[in-house]
Amino acid sequence: MDSIPDGVHSVDASGVITAMNPSAREIYGYPDAEIVGRTFEILMPPKLRDQVRRLHEQALSGEIVQRFATTGIRSDGSEIAVRS
């Protein structure tokens, strides 16, 4: 995961971030110590959290979830365009 130029983070079945590659840490502005162990919702605006939770549940049930453009939240609170 560290050699992938795109920002990638891994989450477990409960939505907890288990790892972020260097690109994702740079994009979102979080060091590992501040982000690993938190839910992925910290990376998205409140208005999108329900939608992303549903997509996460679909993926866990075996459905294919297509990539989509969305908005993320950096550690400083600024919004950024991301592709999930």
Protein backbone atom coordinates (compact mmCIF):
# COMPACT_ATOMS: atom_id res chain seq x y z
CA MET A 1 0.00 0.00 0.00
CA ASP A 2 2.92 2.36 0.68
CA SER A 3 4.05 2.30 -2.95
CA ILE A 4 0.63 3.31 -4.37
CA PRO A 5 0.69 6.98 -5.44
CA ASP A 6 -3.05 7.42 -4.72
CA GLY A 7 -4.25 8.08 -1.20
CA VAL A 8 -5.53 4.79 0.22
CA HIS A 9 -6.89 3.94 3.63
CA SER A 10 -8.12 0.59 4.91
CA VAL A 11 -11.08 0.11 7.22
CA ASP A 12 -12.31 -2.92 9.09
CA ALA A 13 -15.87 -4.25 9.10
CA SER A 14 -16.93 -1.76 11.76
CA GLY A 15 -15.58 1.21 9.77
CA VAL A 16 -12.45 1.76 11.85
CA ILE A 17 -9.39 2.94 9.93
CA THR A 18 -6.67 0.30 10.21
CA ALA A 19 -4.05 1.85 7.92
CA MET A 20 -3.32 4.82 5.65
CA ASN A 21 -0.61 5.01 3.05
CA PRO A 22 1.77 8.02 2.91
CA SER A 23 -0.25 9.67 0.11
CA ALA A 24 -3.48 9.50 2.15
CA ARG A 25 -1.72 10.87 5.22
CA GLU A 26 -0.49 13.80 3.12
CA ILE A 27 -3.89 14.38 1.48
CA TYR A 28 -5.85 14.30 4.72
CA GLY A 29 -3.16 15.80 6.94
CA TYR A 30 -3.24 13.15 9.66
CA PRO A 31 -0.29 11.23 11.07
CA ASP A 32 -0.94 7.52 11.73
CA ALA A 33 -1.10 8.10 15.49
CA GLU A 34 -4.08 10.44 15.08
CA ILE A 35 -6.10 8.54 12.46
CA VAL A 36 -5.60 4.80 12.88
CA GLY A 37 -8.26 3.50 15.23
CA ARG A 38 -10.80 6.22 14.39
CA THR A 39 -13.88 5.61 12.24
CA PHE A 40 -13.73 6.58 8.58
CA GLU A 41 -16.44 9.15 9.24
CA ILE A 42 -13.77 11.56 10.46
CA LEU A 43 -12.71 11.87 6.81
CA MET A 44 -16.11 12.97 5.51
CA PRO A 45 -18.51 15.83 5.99
CA PRO A 46 -21.48 15.03 8.25
CA LYS A 47 -23.94 15.39 5.35
CA LEU A 48 -22.32 12.43 3.52
CA ARG A 49 -21.77 10.03 6.42
CA ASP A 50 -25.09 8.15 6.10
CA GLN A 51 -24.52 7.60 2.38
CA VAL A 52 -20.99 6.29 2.95
CA ARG A 53 -22.17 4.02 5.80
CA ARG A 54 -24.72 2.48 3.40
CA LEU A 55 -22.06 1.94 0.73
CA HIS A 56 -19.77 0.35 3.32
CA GLU A 57 -22.58 -2.02 4.35
CA GLN A 58 -23.22 -2.89 0.70
CA ALA A 59 -19.56 -3.71 0.17
CA LEU A 60 -19.50 -5.87 3.31
CA SER A 61 -22.53 -7.79 2.06
CA GLY A 62 -20.66 -8.67 -1.12
CA GLU A 63 -22.11 -6.09 -3.47
CA ILE A 64 -19.79 -4.31 -5.87
CA VAL A 65 -19.64 -0.61 -5.09
CA GLN A 66 -18.48 1.52 -8.00
CA ARG A 67 -15.98 4.29 -7.44
CA PHE A 68 -17.54 7.72 -7.10
CA ALA A 69 -16.52 11.35 -6.67
CA THR A 70 -17.21 12.77 -3.23
CA THR A 71 -15.93 15.24 -0.66
CA GLY A 72 -13.47 14.54 2.14
CA ILE A 73 -12.44 16.51 5.21
CA ARG A 74 -8.81 17.24 6.00
CA SER A 75 -7.47 17.43 9.55
CA ASP A 76 -7.73 21.23 9.41
CA GLY A 77 -11.45 21.00 8.56
CA SER A 78 -11.12 22.03 4.93
CA GLU A 79 -13.10 20.11 2.33
CA ILE A 80 -11.33 18.38 -0.56
CA ALA A 81 -12.55 16.54 -3.64
CA VAL A 82 -11.79 12.81 -3.46
CA ARG A 83 -12.67 9.72 -5.44
CA SER A 84 -13.82 6.75 -3.38
